[in-house]
Structure formats: structure tokens, C-alpha cells
N, C-alpha and C. Protein backbone atom coordinates (compact mmCIF):
# COMPACT_ATOMS: atom_id res chain seq x y z
N UNK A 1 59.15 -4.32 41.02
CA UNK A 1 58.24 -5.46 40.97
C UNK A 1 57.51 -5.59 40.11
N UNK A 2 56.84 -6.61 39.42
CA UNK A 2 56.60 -6.99 37.83
C UNK A 2 54.74 -6.93 38.28
N UNK A 3 53.91 -6.30 38.01
CA UNK A 3 52.46 -6.06 38.05
C UNK A 3 51.61 -7.57 37.93
N UNK A 4 51.85 -6.78 36.20
CA UNK A 4 51.60 -8.24 35.11
C UNK A 4 50.79 -9.39 35.71
N UNK A 5 51.80 -10.09 36.56
CA UNK A 5 51.29 -11.30 37.26
C UNK A 5 50.83 -11.40 38.66
N UNK A 6 50.20 -10.35 38.77
CA UNK A 6 49.81 -9.80 39.80
C UNK A 6 47.73 -9.33 39.28
N UNK A 7 47.92 -8.92 38.12
CA UNK A 7 46.66 -8.75 38.09
C UNK A 7 45.50 -9.60 37.68
N UNK A 8 45.33 -11.14 37.74
CA UNK A 8 44.70 -11.88 38.14
C UNK A 8 44.25 -11.57 39.83
N UNK A 9 45.04 -11.30 40.81
CA UNK A 9 44.74 -11.02 42.08
C UNK A 9 44.27 -9.36 42.58
N UNK A 10 44.70 -8.44 41.21
CA UNK A 10 43.97 -7.55 42.12
C UNK A 10 42.15 -7.02 41.25
N UNK A 11 42.08 -6.22 42.27
CA UNK A 11 40.22 -6.21 41.88
C UNK A 11 40.37 -4.61 40.97
N UNK A 12 41.65 -3.58 41.25
CA UNK A 12 41.69 -2.47 40.09
C UNK A 12 41.60 -3.18 38.84
N UNK A 13 41.98 -4.20 38.24
CA UNK A 13 42.07 -4.95 36.66
C UNK A 13 40.58 -5.71 36.46
N UNK A 14 39.36 -5.98 36.43
CA UNK A 14 38.16 -6.56 36.12
C UNK A 14 38.44 -7.07 35.18
N UNK A 15 38.81 -6.95 34.30
CA UNK A 15 38.93 -7.41 32.84
C UNK A 15 40.44 -7.73 32.93
N UNK A 16 40.20 -9.57 32.75
CA UNK A 16 41.22 -10.20 33.01
C UNK A 16 42.30 -10.95 32.04
N UNK A 17 41.60 -9.90 30.50
CA UNK A 17 41.94 -10.65 29.19
C UNK A 17 43.40 -10.03 29.44
N UNK A 18 43.40 -11.15 28.47
CA UNK A 18 45.52 -10.41 28.31
C UNK A 18 45.87 -9.40 27.71
N UNK A 19 46.39 -8.55 28.09
CA UNK A 19 46.44 -6.87 27.62
C UNK A 19 45.51 -6.23 27.76
N UNK A 20 44.56 -6.72 28.42
CA UNK A 20 43.41 -5.47 28.75
C UNK A 20 43.93 -4.36 30.29
N UNK A 21 44.63 -4.92 30.74
CA UNK A 21 45.23 -4.76 31.78
C UNK A 21 45.65 -3.00 31.70
N UNK A 22 46.49 -3.00 30.70
CA UNK A 22 47.11 -1.76 30.48
C UNK A 22 46.96 -0.69 29.60
N UNK A 23 45.05 -0.92 29.27
CA UNK A 23 44.11 0.10 29.34
C UNK A 23 43.89 0.81 30.49
N UNK A 24 43.79 0.22 31.51
CA UNK A 24 43.74 0.77 32.52
C UNK A 24 44.65 1.71 33.12
N UNK A 25 46.09 1.12 33.14
CA UNK A 25 47.13 1.78 33.54
C UNK A 25 47.13 3.43 32.65
N UNK A 26 46.41 3.65 31.80
CA UNK A 26 47.34 4.63 30.63
C UNK A 26 45.66 6.02 31.48
N UNK A 27 45.29 5.14 31.87
CA UNK A 27 44.09 6.68 32.95
C UNK A 27 44.65 7.13 34.17
N UNK A 28 44.60 8.83 34.53
CA UNK A 28 45.50 9.42 34.77
C UNK A 28 45.50 9.03 36.24
N UNK A 29 43.68 8.77 36.79
CA UNK A 29 44.12 7.59 37.69
C UNK A 29 43.57 6.03 37.72
N UNK A 30 44.47 5.30 38.76
CA UNK A 30 43.78 4.10 38.52
C UNK A 30 43.47 4.05 40.21
N UNK A 31 42.25 3.62 40.77
CA UNK A 31 41.93 3.09 42.33
C UNK A 31 42.27 1.79 42.80
N UNK A 32 42.64 1.99 43.88
CA UNK A 32 43.57 0.32 44.46
C UNK A 32 42.58 0.38 45.43
N UNK A 33 42.26 -0.32 45.23
CA UNK A 33 40.68 -0.86 46.56
C UNK A 33 42.09 -0.94 48.29
N UNK A 34 41.31 -1.33 48.84
CA UNK A 34 42.79 -1.83 50.16
C UNK A 34 42.89 -3.10 50.10
N UNK A 35 41.94 -4.29 49.78
CA UNK A 35 42.92 -5.90 49.54
C UNK A 35 44.01 -5.46 48.07
N UNK A 36 43.40 -4.81 47.06
CA UNK A 36 44.33 -4.21 46.17
C UNK A 36 46.30 -3.84 47.29
N UNK A 37 45.50 -2.57 47.47
CA UNK A 37 46.91 -2.17 48.20
C UNK A 37 47.84 -3.26 49.60
N UNK A 38 46.84 -3.92 50.11
CA UNK A 38 47.19 -4.82 50.59
C UNK A 38 47.86 -6.08 49.97
N UNK A 39 47.29 -6.48 49.21
CA UNK A 39 48.57 -7.14 47.78
C UNK A 39 49.98 -6.46 47.40
N UNK A 40 49.68 -5.38 46.88
CA UNK A 40 51.00 -4.54 46.60
C UNK A 40 51.68 -4.46 47.96
N UNK A 41 51.23 -3.53 48.78
CA UNK A 41 52.30 -3.76 50.23
C UNK A 41 53.07 -5.00 50.27
N UNK A 42 52.47 -6.61 50.62
CA UNK A 42 53.31 -7.58 50.98
C UNK A 42 53.91 -7.87 49.58
N UNK A 43 53.72 -7.45 48.68
CA UNK A 43 54.43 -7.24 47.37
C UNK A 43 55.38 -6.72 47.46
N UNK A 44 55.62 -5.93 47.64
CA UNK A 44 56.89 -4.99 47.94
C UNK A 44 57.17 -5.10 49.02
N UNK A 45 57.16 -5.40 50.02
CA UNK A 45 58.10 -6.03 51.16
C UNK A 45 58.84 -7.03 50.98
N UNK A 46 58.54 -7.78 50.12
CA UNK A 46 59.45 -8.90 49.62
C UNK A 46 60.46 -8.75 48.93
N UNK A 47 60.56 -7.39 48.08
CA UNK A 47 61.77 -7.02 47.35
C UNK A 47 62.01 -5.79 47.73
N UNK A 48 61.95 -5.31 48.68
CA UNK A 48 62.83 -3.85 49.02
C UNK A 48 63.98 -3.83 50.15
N UNK A 49 64.28 -2.99 50.71
CA UNK A 49 65.38 -3.13 51.89
C UNK A 49 65.18 -1.31 51.88
N UNK A 50 65.68 -1.46 53.32
CA UNK A 50 65.06 0.16 53.88
C UNK A 50 66.87 1.00 53.55
N UNK A 51 66.51 2.34 53.16
CA UNK A 51 67.13 3.10 52.33
C UNK A 51 68.59 3.28 52.68
N UNK A 52 68.80 3.39 53.99
CA UNK A 52 69.85 3.17 55.02
C UNK A 52 71.20 1.72 54.03
N UNK A 53 70.45 0.60 54.02
CA UNK A 53 70.75 0.20 53.27
C UNK A 53 71.30 0.16 52.24
N UNK A 54 70.26 1.01 51.41
CA UNK A 54 70.23 0.61 49.49
C UNK A 54 71.11 1.83 49.55
N UNK A 55 70.85 3.27 49.69
CA UNK A 55 71.79 4.51 49.72
C UNK A 55 73.60 4.05 49.23
N UNK A 56 74.17 3.37 50.24
CA UNK A 56 75.34 3.46 49.91
C UNK A 56 75.61 2.99 48.73
N UNK A 57 75.14 2.11 48.58
CA UNK A 57 75.24 0.99 47.16
C UNK A 57 75.13 2.05 45.93
N UNK A 58 74.33 3.16 46.15
CA UNK A 58 74.13 3.91 44.88
C UNK A 58 74.91 5.10 44.93
N UNK A 59 75.77 5.27 45.96
CA UNK A 59 76.57 6.35 46.05
C UNK A 59 78.40 5.52 45.61
N UNK A 60 78.21 4.43 45.51
CA UNK A 60 79.42 3.71 45.40
C UNK A 60 79.73 3.65 43.66
N UNK A 61 78.29 3.79 43.02
CA UNK A 61 78.70 3.00 41.72
C UNK A 61 78.35 4.67 40.91
N UNK A 62 78.38 5.78 42.01
CA UNK A 62 78.23 6.76 40.50
C UNK A 62 79.91 6.84 40.34
N UNK A 63 79.40 7.54 38.81
CA UNK A 63 81.32 7.81 38.49
C UNK A 63 81.03 8.79 37.62
N UNK A 64 81.68 9.97 38.05
CA UNK A 64 82.51 11.17 37.40
C UNK A 64 82.03 11.03 35.81
N UNK A 65 81.34 11.83 35.73
CA UNK A 65 80.79 12.26 34.14
C UNK A 65 82.74 13.66 33.52
N UNK A 66 82.88 13.02 32.43
CA UNK A 66 83.53 13.88 31.94
C UNK A 66 82.86 15.16 31.03
N UNK A 67 83.83 16.29 30.68
CA UNK A 67 82.63 17.31 29.75
C UNK A 67 83.20 16.86 28.13
N UNK A 68 81.71 17.13 27.94
CA UNK A 68 81.32 16.52 26.33
C UNK A 68 82.78 17.53 25.90
N UNK A 69 83.02 16.91 24.18
CA UNK A 69 83.80 17.51 23.51
C UNK A 69 83.55 18.52 22.83
N UNK A 70 83.47 20.04 22.55
CA UNK A 70 83.43 20.59 22.77
C UNK A 70 82.63 21.94 23.20
N UNK A 71 82.67 21.34 24.58
CA UNK A 71 81.81 22.24 25.93
C UNK A 71 82.54 23.24 26.11
N UNK A 72 82.00 24.49 26.47
CA UNK A 72 82.65 25.08 26.40
C UNK A 72 83.21 25.61 28.44
N UNK A 73 84.07 25.55 29.22
CA UNK A 73 83.90 25.55 30.46
C UNK A 73 84.13 26.64 31.54
């Protein structure tokens, strides 16, 4: 999910100037209020699928990795 388009709607980013939001993300903790959490849950629900649906696709995409040249076995 892309966060930048949501910045104008998130209270966690009070400075709405372009690019100002990235400074807040560099802090160790970013407080997310209940309204922001609800918005993020709603947005995530639109783009997520359950693990039992996603995992088989990931497993099917695994490709064996060969030994590196010069590696001892």
C-alpha cells in the first residue's frame, strides 16, 4: 500500500507540505491515532488476501539456487 496518497488524510502527519511527511517516518516511533489506524485498516483490507490464498503462490515461485562458482560443498 502506498502511504503518500494517504498523508493528507492522516493526522499523524500534521505538516501537509510536499515531502514533509518523510521526516516523521525517520523517527523511531510514529504515533498512530485511532482515526488513522481505522483508515489504514480500511486501505489495507482493500489490497490484502488471506495467507492460505497467498502462500501457495509464493511456494510455487521458489526456484532452486545453484552453488556459487568456487564454493566448496
